[in-house]
Amino acid sequence: MKIDVVTIFPDMFQGVLNESIIKRAIDKGIVEINIHNFRDYSLDPHGKVDDTPFGGGAGMVLACQPIFDCIESLKTKDSLVIMLTPDGLVYNQNIALELSSKKHLILLCGHYEGFDERIKSICDMFISVGDYILTGGEIPSMILIDSITRLIDGSITKESLESESFSDNLLDYPTYTKPRTFRDMEVPSVLLSGDHQKIAEWRHLKKLEKTKELRPDLLEDSDERY
């Protein structure tokens, strides 16, 4: 997979792309991630990429020309252009899974007061990471990169993916490691039994209990009933 990120703050991505699972996936050639500063495409002699809004109002609006030219230079027949925007589809694991099968993603990060509305005409999808305000689209794009990369074959083990939260629309079961007792808190005895069927049943029950308590809304969309 190839992911191109279009932003005016490329340095924000240095840490994210050089640590942990994402770095290993890049090093293995599983994913190629490129960061593009659309300010480089501005025809303004000072590299300006925004202007005041027609009709008045606070803030500055990102202009069409630099973004159009940048995206058009990257786009191919396999590209899916995604705008990170508060009025987009709220992101979840199912969307991440769908996007992980694509060949080429272009992630467009906004800033300031927002995009000139006409920029939406060159986008294929609009995604929000939640109902709250962020300074720009850079952090949301990092969320997409992280959640999508780990789903691509070879990034992490298949077993790890299958046991994660939201893989079956349920939260994950509790996990424990050594020591067996810590400050009078014991590891559940079933996990020490060696009976894999009982362990699997206990874990599934705990997933249901946890989801019912913390995220009952997920059960509405799950095949599970508790």
C-alpha atoms as a PDB file:
ATOM      1  CA  MET A   1       0.000   0.000   0.000  1.00  0.00           C
ATOM      2  CA  LYS A   2       1.004   3.568  -0.646  1.00  0.00           C
ATOM      3  CA  ILE A   3      -0.146   6.466   1.539  1.00  0.00           C
ATOM      4  CA  ASP A   4       0.463  10.100   0.581  1.00  0.00           C
ATOM      5  CA  VAL A   5      -0.270  12.767   3.181  1.00  0.00           C
ATOM      6  CA  VAL A   6      -0.972  16.323   2.020  1.00  0.00           C
ATOM      7  CA  THR A   7      -0.320  18.916   4.736  1.00  0.00           C
ATOM      8  CA  ILE A   8       1.401  22.232   5.498  1.00  0.00           C
ATOM      9  CA  PHE A   9       3.027  20.830   8.647  1.00  0.00           C
ATOM     10  CA  PRO A  10       5.107  17.870   7.423  1.00  0.00           C
ATOM     11  CA  ASP A  11       7.450  17.865  10.436  1.00  0.00           C
ATOM     12  CA  MET A  12       4.578  16.732  12.667  1.00  0.00           C
ATOM     13  CA  PHE A  13       4.875  13.244  11.162  1.00  0.00           C
ATOM     14  CA  GLN A  14       8.526  12.532  11.903  1.00  0.00           C
ATOM     15  CA  GLY A  15       8.011  10.764  15.224  1.00  0.00           C
ATOM     16  CA  VAL A  16       4.979   8.776  14.081  1.00  0.00           C
ATOM     17  CA  LEU A  17       6.705   7.349  11.007  1.00  0.00           C
ATOM     18  CA  ASN A  18       9.943   6.480  12.777  1.00  0.00           C
ATOM     19  CA  GLU A  19       8.724   4.372  15.677  1.00  0.00           C
ATOM     20  CA  SER A  20       7.045   1.059  16.424  1.00  0.00           C
ATOM     21  CA  ILE A  21       4.812  -0.910  14.024  1.00  0.00           C
ATOM     22  CA  ILE A  22       4.609   1.806  11.367  1.00  0.00           C
ATOM     23  CA  LYS A  23       8.406   2.061  11.064  1.00  0.00           C
ATOM     24  CA  ARG A  24       8.744  -1.729  10.851  1.00  0.00           C
ATOM     25  CA  ALA A  25       6.069  -1.893   8.151  1.00  0.00           C
ATOM     26  CA  ILE A  26       7.868   0.820   6.174  1.00  0.00           C
ATOM     27  CA  ASP A  27      11.219  -0.942   6.575  1.00  0.00           C
ATOM     28  CA  LYS A  28       9.687  -4.236   5.373  1.00  0.00           C
ATOM     29  CA  GLY A  29       8.202  -2.539   2.316  1.00  0.00           C
ATOM     30  CA  ILE A  30       4.666  -3.373   3.454  1.00  0.00           C
ATOM     31  CA  VAL A  31       3.624   0.264   3.229  1.00  0.00           C
ATOM     32  CA  GLU A  32       5.112   3.353   1.596  1.00  0.00           C
ATOM     33  CA  ILE A  33       4.262   6.642   3.298  1.00  0.00           C
ATOM     34  CA  ASN A  34       5.136  10.017   1.820  1.00  0.00           C
ATOM     35  CA  ILE A  35       4.471  13.453   3.311  1.00  0.00           C
ATOM     36  CA  HIS A  36       3.845  16.361   0.917  1.00  0.00           C
ATOM     37  CA  ASN A  37       3.769  20.047   1.817  1.00  0.00           C
ATOM     38  CA  PHE A  38       1.140  21.623  -0.402  1.00  0.00           C
ATOM     39  CA  ARG A  39       2.725  25.006   0.270  1.00  0.00           C
ATOM     40  CA  ASP A  40       5.374  23.861  -2.228  1.00  0.00           C
ATOM     41  CA  TYR A  41       2.687  23.983  -4.923  1.00  0.00           C
ATOM     42  CA  SER A  42       1.562  27.535  -4.223  1.00  0.00           C
ATOM     43  CA  LEU A  43       1.915  29.970  -7.140  1.00  0.00           C
ATOM     44  CA  ASP A  44       2.028  32.881  -4.714  1.00  0.00           C
ATOM     45  CA  PRO A  45       5.557  34.347  -4.512  1.00  0.00           C
ATOM     46  CA  HIS A  46       5.412  34.096  -0.714  1.00  0.00           C
ATOM     47  CA  GLY A  47       4.032  30.552  -0.655  1.00  0.00           C
ATOM     48  CA  LYS A  48       0.635  31.663   0.585  1.00  0.00           C
ATOM     49  CA  VAL A  49      -1.995  28.891   0.749  1.00  0.00           C
ATOM     50  CA  ASP A  50      -4.946  30.649   2.416  1.00  0.00           C
ATOM     51  CA  ASP A  51      -7.028  33.805   2.209  1.00  0.00           C
ATOM     52  CA  THR A  52      -9.885  35.615   3.908  1.00  0.00           C
ATOM     53  CA  PRO A  53     -13.402  34.151   3.527  1.00  0.00           C
ATOM     54  CA  PHE A  54     -15.901  35.633   1.095  1.00  0.00           C
ATOM     55  CA  GLY A  55     -18.799  37.083   3.075  1.00  0.00           C
ATOM     56  CA  GLY A  56     -16.572  37.927   6.022  1.00  0.00           C
ATOM     57  CA  GLY A  57     -15.927  36.068   9.223  1.00  0.00           C
ATOM     58  CA  ALA A  58     -13.077  34.963  11.427  1.00  0.00           C
ATOM     59  CA  GLY A  59     -10.075  32.934  10.345  1.00  0.00           C
ATOM     60  CA  MET A  60      -8.425  32.089   7.053  1.00  0.00           C
ATOM     61  CA  VAL A  61      -9.618  29.600   4.445  1.00  0.00           C
ATOM     62  CA  LEU A  62      -7.341  27.185   2.591  1.00  0.00           C
ATOM     63  CA  ALA A  63      -7.360  28.043  -1.102  1.00  0.00           C
ATOM     64  CA  CYS A  64      -8.023  25.737  -4.040  1.00  0.00           C
ATOM     65  CA  GLN A  65      -4.952  26.137  -6.252  1.00  0.00           C
ATOM     66  CA  PRO A  66      -2.144  24.663  -4.100  1.00  0.00           C
ATOM     67  CA  ILE A  67      -4.252  21.717  -2.951  1.00  0.00           C
ATOM     68  CA  PHE A  68      -5.663  20.933  -6.398  1.00  0.00           C
ATOM     69  CA  ASP A  69      -2.199  21.009  -7.946  1.00  0.00           C
ATOM     70  CA  CYS A  70      -0.664  18.876  -5.202  1.00  0.00           C
ATOM     71  CA  ILE A  71      -3.350  16.183  -5.255  1.00  0.00           C
ATOM     72  CA  GLU A  72      -3.509  16.081  -9.046  1.00  0.00           C
ATOM     73  CA  SER A  73       0.248  15.486  -9.143  1.00  0.00           C
ATOM     74  CA  LEU A  74      -0.181  12.434  -6.858  1.00  0.00           C
ATOM     75  CA  LYS A  75      -3.443  10.957  -8.044  1.00  0.00           C
ATOM     76  CA  THR A  76      -3.641   7.783 -10.138  1.00  0.00           C
ATOM     77  CA  LYS A  77      -6.465   5.453 -11.149  1.00  0.00           C
ATOM     78  CA  ASP A  78      -5.916   3.522  -7.895  1.00  0.00           C
ATOM     79  CA  SER A  79      -6.067   6.546  -5.591  1.00  0.00           C
ATOM     80  CA  LEU A  80      -8.688   7.207  -2.941  1.00  0.00           C
ATOM     81  CA  VAL A  81      -8.541  10.838  -1.776  1.00  0.00           C
ATOM     82  CA  ILE A  82      -9.710  11.299   1.823  1.00  0.00           C
ATOM     83  CA  MET A  83     -10.356  14.681   3.399  1.00  0.00           C
ATOM     84  CA  LEU A  84     -10.022  14.780   7.194  1.00  0.00           C
ATOM     85  CA  THR A  85     -12.888  17.013   8.242  1.00  0.00           C
ATOM     86  CA  PRO A  86     -15.326  17.414  11.181  1.00  0.00           C
ATOM     87  CA  ASP A  87     -18.299  16.907   8.862  1.00  0.00           C
ATOM     88  CA  GLY A  88     -17.063  13.546   7.600  1.00  0.00           C
ATOM     89  CA  LEU A  89     -18.099   9.980   8.353  1.00  0.00           C
ATOM     90  CA  VAL A  90     -17.123   9.078  11.927  1.00  0.00           C
ATOM     91  CA  TYR A  91     -14.146   6.727  11.762  1.00  0.00           C
ATOM     92  CA  ASN A  92     -14.290   3.195  13.156  1.00  0.00           C
ATOM     93  CA  GLN A  93     -12.621  -0.203  12.832  1.00  0.00           C
ATOM     94  CA  ASN A  94     -14.810  -1.305   9.926  1.00  0.00           C
ATOM     95  CA  ILE A  95     -13.726   1.717   7.896  1.00  0.00           C
ATOM     96  CA  ALA A  96     -10.089   1.018   8.803  1.00  0.00           C
ATOM     97  CA  LEU A  97     -10.484  -2.555   7.561  1.00  0.00           C
ATOM     98  CA  GLU A  98     -12.054  -1.361   4.315  1.00  0.00           C
ATOM     99  CA  LEU A  99      -9.282   1.174   3.697  1.00  0.00           C
ATOM    100  CA  SER A 100      -6.536  -1.365   4.446  1.00  0.00           C
ATOM    101  CA  SER A 101      -7.437  -3.174   1.221  1.00  0.00           C
ATOM    102  CA  LYS A 102      -6.862  -0.105  -0.980  1.00  0.00           C
ATOM    103  CA  LYS A 103      -3.729   0.336  -3.094  1.00  0.00           C
ATOM    104  CA  HIS A 104      -3.260   4.078  -2.671  1.00  0.00           C
ATOM    105  CA  LEU A 105      -4.627   6.542  -0.129  1.00  0.00           C
ATOM    106  CA  ILE A 106      -4.174  10.307  -0.276  1.00  0.00           C
ATOM    107  CA  LEU A 107      -4.937  11.935   3.090  1.00  0.00           C
ATOM    108  CA  LEU A 108      -5.720  15.644   2.952  1.00  0.00           C
ATOM    109  CA  CYS A 109      -5.110  17.551   6.198  1.00  0.00           C
ATOM    110  CA  GLY A 110      -6.883  20.839   6.745  1.00  0.00           C
ATOM    111  CA  HIS A 111      -5.946  23.702   9.035  1.00  0.00           C
ATOM    112  CA  TYR A 112      -7.064  27.210  10.009  1.00  0.00           C
ATOM    113  CA  GLU A 113     -10.773  27.905   9.417  1.00  0.00           C
ATOM    114  CA  GLY A 114     -11.110  25.073   6.908  1.00  0.00           C
ATOM    115  CA  PHE A 115     -11.138  24.308   3.200  1.00  0.00           C
ATOM    116  CA  ASP A 116     -12.607  26.244   0.316  1.00  0.00           C
ATOM    117  CA  GLU A 117     -15.745  24.160  -0.321  1.00  0.00           C
ATOM    118  CA  ARG A 118     -14.688  23.505  -3.927  1.00  0.00           C
ATOM    119  CA  ILE A 119     -11.768  21.381  -2.740  1.00  0.00           C
ATOM    120  CA  LYS A 120     -14.297  18.677  -1.855  1.00  0.00           C
ATOM    121  CA  SER A 121     -14.815  18.100  -5.579  1.00  0.00           C
ATOM    122  CA  ILE A 122     -11.439  16.322  -5.849  1.00  0.00           C
ATOM    123  CA  CYS A 123     -12.011  14.141  -2.762  1.00  0.00           C
ATOM    124  CA  ASP A 124     -13.610  10.686  -2.710  1.00  0.00           C
ATOM    125  CA  MET A 125     -14.270  10.296   0.996  1.00  0.00           C
ATOM    126  CA  PHE A 126     -14.667  12.482   4.082  1.00  0.00           C
ATOM    127  CA  ILE A 127     -13.666  11.224   7.531  1.00  0.00           C
ATOM    128  CA  SER A 128     -13.975  12.603  11.059  1.00  0.00           C
ATOM    129  CA  VAL A 129     -12.232  10.995  14.042  1.00  0.00           C
ATOM    130  CA  GLY A 130     -14.826  12.228  16.527  1.00  0.00           C
ATOM    131  CA  ASP A 131     -17.068  14.996  17.714  1.00  0.00           C
ATOM    132  CA  TYR A 132     -14.450  17.379  19.067  1.00  0.00           C
ATOM    133  CA  ILE A 133     -12.275  20.147  17.660  1.00  0.00           C
ATOM    134  CA  LEU A 134      -8.608  19.725  16.725  1.00  0.00           C
ATOM    135  CA  THR A 135      -6.184  22.286  15.360  1.00  0.00           C
ATOM    136  CA  GLY A 136      -5.907  20.506  12.031  1.00  0.00           C
ATOM    137  CA  GLY A 137      -6.137  17.245  10.142  1.00  0.00           C
ATOM    138  CA  GLU A 138      -2.605  16.057  10.907  1.00  0.00           C
ATOM    139  CA  ILE A 139      -3.395  14.101  14.080  1.00  0.00           C
ATOM    140  CA  PRO A 140      -6.512  12.502  12.496  1.00  0.00           C
ATOM    141  CA  SER A 141      -4.401  11.419   9.528  1.00  0.00           C
ATOM    142  CA  MET A 142      -1.904   9.825  11.929  1.00  0.00           C
ATOM    143  CA  ILE A 143      -4.796   7.899  13.481  1.00  0.00           C
ATOM    144  CA  LEU A 144      -5.746   6.575  10.048  1.00  0.00           C
ATOM    145  CA  ILE A 145      -2.149   5.672   9.204  1.00  0.00           C
ATOM    146  CA  ASP A 146      -1.691   3.773  12.468  1.00  0.00           C
ATOM    147  CA  SER A 147      -5.015   1.916  12.404  1.00  0.00           C
ATOM    148  CA  ILE A 148      -4.732   0.990   8.706  1.00  0.00           C
ATOM    149  CA  THR A 149      -1.061  -0.005   8.630  1.00  0.00           C
ATOM    150  CA  ARG A 150      -1.435  -2.542  11.425  1.00  0.00           C
ATOM    151  CA  LEU A 151      -4.188  -4.287   9.417  1.00  0.00           C
ATOM    152  CA  ILE A 152      -2.040  -4.844   6.335  1.00  0.00           C
ATOM    153  CA  ASP A 153      -0.735  -8.414   5.997  1.00  0.00           C
ATOM    154  CA  GLY A 154       2.701  -8.775   7.541  1.00  0.00           C
ATOM    155  CA  SER A 155       2.545  -5.773   9.881  1.00  0.00           C
ATOM    156  CA  ILE A 156       1.555  -7.797  12.940  1.00  0.00           C
ATOM    157  CA  THR A 157       0.511 -11.405  13.476  1.00  0.00           C
ATOM    158  CA  LYS A 158      -2.908 -12.603  12.390  1.00  0.00           C
ATOM    159  CA  GLU A 159      -3.551 -13.959  15.904  1.00  0.00           C
ATOM    160  CA  SER A 160      -2.966 -10.528  17.425  1.00  0.00           C
ATOM    161  CA  LEU A 161      -5.442  -8.929  15.027  1.00  0.00           C
ATOM    162  CA  GLU A 162      -8.125 -11.532  15.682  1.00  0.00           C
ATOM    163  CA  SER A 163      -8.001 -11.026  19.460  1.00  0.00           C
ATOM    164  CA  GLU A 164      -8.131  -7.210  19.461  1.00  0.00           C
ATOM    165  CA  SER A 165     -10.940  -4.940  20.550  1.00  0.00           C
ATOM    166  CA  PHE A 166     -13.576  -4.301  17.861  1.00  0.00           C
ATOM    167  CA  SER A 167     -12.483  -7.322  15.774  1.00  0.00           C
ATOM    168  CA  ASP A 168     -15.929  -8.798  16.542  1.00  0.00           C
ATOM    169  CA  ASN A 169     -17.550  -5.518  17.600  1.00  0.00           C
ATOM    170  CA  LEU A 170     -16.702  -6.236  21.236  1.00  0.00           C
ATOM    171  CA  LEU A 171     -14.126  -4.750  23.580  1.00  0.00           C
ATOM    172  CA  ASP A 172     -11.116  -6.915  24.399  1.00  0.00           C
ATOM    173  CA  TYR A 173     -10.904  -9.294  27.364  1.00  0.00           C
ATOM    174  CA  PRO A 174      -8.663  -8.497  30.391  1.00  0.00           C
ATOM    175  CA  THR A 175      -5.072  -9.755  30.203  1.00  0.00           C
ATOM    176  CA  TYR A 176      -2.508 -10.596  32.893  1.00  0.00           C
ATOM    177  CA  THR A 177       1.179 -11.499  33.179  1.00  0.00           C
ATOM    178  CA  LYS A 178       3.636 -12.480  35.939  1.00  0.00           C
ATOM    179  CA  PRO A 179       3.595 -12.354  38.916  1.00  0.00           C
ATOM    180  CA  ARG A 180       0.500 -14.385  39.784  1.00  0.00           C
ATOM    181  CA  THR A 181      -0.063 -12.194  42.846  1.00  0.00           C
ATOM    182  CA  PHE A 182       0.651  -8.479  43.045  1.00  0.00           C
ATOM    183  CA  ARG A 183      -0.364  -6.418  46.090  1.00  0.00           C
ATOM    184  CA  ASP A 184      -2.959  -9.050  47.013  1.00  0.00           C
ATOM    185  CA  MET A 185      -4.461  -8.947  43.526  1.00  0.00           C
ATOM    186  CA  GLU A 186      -4.681 -12.438  41.986  1.00  0.00           C
ATOM    187  CA  VAL A 187      -4.688 -13.617  38.402  1.00  0.00           C
ATOM    188  CA  PRO A 188      -8.014 -15.394  37.702  1.00  0.00           C
ATOM    189  CA  SER A 189      -7.533 -19.100  38.360  1.00  0.00           C
ATOM    190  CA  VAL A 190      -9.019 -20.159  35.024  1.00  0.00           C
ATOM    191  CA  LEU A 191      -6.041 -18.591  33.230  1.00  0.00           C
ATOM    192  CA  LEU A 192      -3.715 -20.852  35.206  1.00  0.00           C
ATOM    193  CA  SER A 193      -5.730 -24.014  34.553  1.00  0.00           C
ATOM    194  CA  GLY A 194      -4.239 -24.984  31.200  1.00  0.00           C
ATOM    195  CA  ASP A 195      -7.766 -25.755  29.952  1.00  0.00           C
ATOM    196  CA  HIS A 196      -7.855 -23.840  26.672  1.00  0.00           C
ATOM    197  CA  GLN A 197     -11.577 -24.310  26.128  1.00  0.00           C
ATOM    198  CA  LYS A 198     -12.425 -22.902  29.546  1.00  0.00           C
ATOM    199  CA  ILE A 199      -9.985 -20.037  28.999  1.00  0.00           C
ATOM    200  CA  ALA A 200     -11.611 -19.204  25.638  1.00  0.00           C
ATOM    201  CA  GLU A 201     -15.088 -19.306  27.225  1.00  0.00           C
ATOM    202  CA  TRP A 202     -13.954 -17.068  30.118  1.00  0.00           C
ATOM    203  CA  ARG A 203     -12.383 -14.555  27.745  1.00  0.00           C
ATOM    204  CA  HIS A 204     -15.488 -14.403  25.595  1.00  0.00           C
ATOM    205  CA  LEU A 205     -17.690 -13.897  28.658  1.00  0.00           C
ATOM    206  CA  LYS A 206     -15.426 -11.083  29.874  1.00  0.00           C
ATOM    207  CA  LYS A 207     -15.588  -9.397  26.469  1.00  0.00           C
ATOM    208  CA  LEU A 208     -19.370  -9.421  26.655  1.00  0.00           C
ATOM    209  CA  GLU A 209     -19.410  -8.141  30.256  1.00  0.00           C
ATOM    210  CA  LYS A 210     -16.938  -5.370  29.503  1.00  0.00           C
ATOM    211  CA  THR A 211     -18.782  -4.272  26.370  1.00  0.00           C
ATOM    212  CA  LYS A 212     -22.151  -4.285  28.148  1.00  0.00           C
ATOM    213  CA  GLU A 213     -20.717  -2.121  30.943  1.00  0.00           C
ATOM    214  CA  LEU A 214     -18.599   0.336  28.936  1.00  0.00           C
ATOM    215  CA  ARG A 215     -19.962   0.337  25.377  1.00  0.00           C
ATOM    216  CA  PRO A 216     -23.481  -1.159  25.263  1.00  0.00           C
ATOM    217  CA  ASP A 217     -24.032   0.589  21.940  1.00  0.00           C
ATOM    218  CA  LEU A 218     -21.609  -1.877  20.312  1.00  0.00           C
ATOM    219  CA  LEU A 219     -23.858  -4.818  21.216  1.00  0.00           C
ATOM    220  CA  GLU A 220     -26.635  -3.310  19.100  1.00  0.00           C
ATOM    221  CA  ASP A 221     -24.490  -3.848  16.010  1.00  0.00           C
ATOM    222  CA  SER A 222     -23.016  -7.167  17.134  1.00  0.00           C
ATOM    223  CA  ASP A 223     -24.181 -10.696  16.505  1.00  0.00           C
ATOM    224  CA  GLU A 224     -23.710 -11.250  20.231  1.00  0.00           C
ATOM    225  CA  ARG A 225     -26.447 -10.812  22.781  1.00  0.00           C
ATOM    226  CA  TYR A 226     -25.894 -10.804  26.523  1.00  0.00           C
END
